[in-house]
Amino acid sequence: MIRQALGFVVAFGCLATSASLQAHHSTAGVYDPGKEVTVKGALSKLQFVNPHGSIVVTVKNADGTTPDWTFTTGSATALASQGITKVGPKALKIGEEVTVLGTPARNGSPLGGLRSLTRADGTVLGNAGGN
């Protein structure tokens, strides 16, 4: 009986561990960790969801085009711990000018993994628990 119960506990533990390992994924296939991209523009969208959110920055290019750069973020909880929030006195505001440092997409699309966000006043916000 004890052996059977122990076997059940071990089997359950293995299943639980493999499920959590499968749930988290590597971003190396999407982003190039050996490169950095800096994007300056207006914050146009914030999505604070779990397990990953996103921040969209609209850039005004010299030729008049305005591409949207989407940066994947950490979880809403991780962002809040770094001062990146949608509510409160220090909340990010749509239309706010920001400079974003990120890891660019390997395929050249306007997509990146957020490393940090700098506000117009120079305040730098990080991305703990990143993507």
Protein backbone atom coordinates (compact mmCIF):
# COMPACT_ATOMS: atom_id res chain seq x y z
CA MET A 1 0.00 0.00 0.00
CA ILE A 2 2.80 2.43 0.90
CA ARG A 3 4.69 1.44 -2.24
CA GLN A 4 1.63 2.10 -4.37
CA ALA A 5 1.04 5.50 -2.74
CA LEU A 6 4.71 6.42 -3.18
CA GLY A 7 4.55 5.35 -6.83
CA PHE A 8 1.50 7.55 -7.33
CA VAL A 9 3.24 10.57 -5.74
CA VAL A 10 6.34 10.10 -7.92
CA ALA A 11 4.27 9.67 -11.10
CA PHE A 12 2.18 12.74 -10.28
CA GLY A 13 5.31 14.78 -9.56
CA CYS A 14 6.85 13.81 -12.91
CA LEU A 15 3.66 14.74 -14.76
CA ALA A 16 3.37 18.09 -12.98
CA THR A 17 7.01 18.94 -13.68
CA SER A 18 6.83 18.03 -17.35
CA ALA A 19 3.65 20.08 -17.80
CA SER A 20 5.23 23.22 -16.35
CA LEU A 21 8.38 22.74 -18.43
CA GLN A 22 6.28 22.36 -21.56
CA ALA A 23 4.21 25.44 -20.68
CA HIS A 24 7.21 27.79 -20.68
CA HIS A 25 8.96 28.20 -23.97
CA SER A 26 12.17 29.62 -25.36
CA THR A 27 12.04 32.92 -27.25
CA ALA A 28 15.36 32.29 -29.03
CA GLY A 29 13.53 31.06 -32.12
CA VAL A 30 11.65 34.36 -32.46
CA TYR A 31 14.10 36.95 -31.10
CA ASP A 32 17.83 37.36 -31.71
CA PRO A 33 19.40 37.60 -28.22
CA GLY A 34 22.70 38.75 -29.77
CA LYS A 35 21.16 41.99 -31.08
CA GLU A 36 19.40 45.03 -29.66
CA VAL A 37 16.96 47.47 -31.18
CA THR A 38 16.05 50.94 -29.88
CA VAL A 39 12.67 52.35 -30.89
CA LYS A 40 11.39 55.83 -30.07
CA GLY A 41 7.76 56.78 -30.50
CA ALA A 42 4.32 57.15 -28.96
CA LEU A 43 2.86 54.45 -26.75
CA SER A 44 -0.24 53.29 -28.63
CA LYS A 45 -1.36 50.14 -26.83
CA LEU A 46 -0.79 48.32 -23.54
CA GLN A 47 -1.83 44.74 -22.87
CA PHE A 48 -1.11 43.53 -19.36
CA VAL A 49 -2.05 39.86 -19.37
CA ASN A 50 -0.49 36.64 -18.15
CA PRO A 51 1.77 34.93 -18.97
CA HIS A 52 3.06 37.65 -21.37
CA GLY A 53 1.76 41.09 -22.18
CA SER A 54 2.68 43.52 -24.92
CA ILE A 55 3.45 47.18 -25.47
CA VAL A 56 2.91 48.78 -28.88
CA VAL A 57 4.91 51.86 -29.90
CA THR A 58 4.03 53.86 -33.03
CA VAL A 59 7.14 55.26 -34.71
CA LYS A 60 7.19 58.27 -37.06
CA ASN A 61 9.79 57.59 -39.74
CA ALA A 62 11.48 60.33 -41.80
CA ASP A 63 9.61 59.13 -44.91
CA GLY A 64 6.24 59.71 -43.20
CA THR A 65 5.43 56.07 -42.49
CA THR A 66 4.24 55.14 -39.01
CA PRO A 67 4.94 51.48 -38.26
CA ASP A 68 3.76 49.93 -35.01
CA TRP A 69 6.44 48.05 -33.06
CA THR A 70 5.09 45.40 -30.71
CA PHE A 71 7.23 44.42 -27.73
CA THR A 72 6.43 41.29 -25.75
CA THR A 73 6.68 41.80 -22.01
CA GLY A 74 6.75 39.72 -18.88
CA SER A 75 3.62 39.03 -16.84
CA ALA A 76 1.42 41.79 -15.48
CA THR A 77 2.75 41.05 -12.00
CA ALA A 78 6.39 41.23 -13.10
CA LEU A 79 5.75 44.51 -14.95
CA ALA A 80 4.06 46.07 -11.92
CA SER A 81 7.04 45.13 -9.73
CA GLN A 82 9.25 47.14 -12.13
CA GLY A 83 6.94 50.19 -12.14
CA ILE A 84 5.24 49.47 -15.48
CA THR A 85 1.52 49.90 -14.78
CA LYS A 86 -1.70 51.10 -16.42
CA VAL A 87 -3.15 52.67 -13.26
CA GLY A 88 -1.93 54.99 -10.53
CA PRO A 89 0.08 58.20 -10.46
CA LYS A 90 3.06 56.72 -12.35
CA ALA A 91 0.97 54.78 -14.90
CA LEU A 92 1.96 54.67 -18.55
CA LYS A 93 -0.40 56.69 -20.74
CA ILE A 94 -1.44 56.08 -24.32
CA GLY A 95 0.25 58.74 -26.46
CA GLU A 96 3.18 59.12 -24.07
CA GLU A 97 6.56 59.40 -25.82
CA VAL A 98 8.84 56.50 -24.89
CA THR A 99 12.11 54.92 -25.97
CA VAL A 100 12.15 51.14 -25.90
CA LEU A 101 15.21 48.91 -25.84
CA GLY A 102 14.49 45.38 -26.96
CA THR A 103 15.64 42.18 -28.58
CA PRO A 104 14.57 42.29 -32.25
CA ALA A 105 12.71 39.62 -34.17
CA ARG A 106 14.93 37.36 -36.25
CA ASN A 107 12.76 37.83 -39.35
CA GLY A 108 13.08 41.64 -39.40
CA SER A 109 9.45 42.36 -38.55
CA PRO A 110 8.66 45.22 -36.13
CA LEU A 111 8.53 42.88 -33.15
CA GLY A 112 10.77 42.58 -30.14
CA GLY A 113 11.20 41.37 -26.61
CA LEU A 114 11.10 44.28 -24.14
CA ARG A 115 14.29 44.88 -22.16
CA SER A 116 13.57 48.39 -20.89
CA LEU A 117 11.35 51.40 -21.48
CA THR A 118 12.54 54.98 -20.94
CA ARG A 119 10.00 57.74 -20.35
CA ALA A 120 10.40 61.30 -21.65
CA ASP A 121 11.56 62.43 -18.18
CA GLY A 122 14.42 59.88 -18.28
CA THR A 123 12.85 57.34 -15.92
CA VAL A 124 13.93 53.84 -16.97
CA LEU A 125 11.56 50.94 -16.34
CA GLY A 126 12.77 47.36 -16.66
CA ASN A 127 11.17 44.08 -17.66
CA ALA A 128 11.82 41.62 -14.85
CA GLY A 129 10.53 38.15 -15.55
CA GLY A 130 10.85 38.98 -19.23
CA ASN A 131 9.75 37.04 -22.19
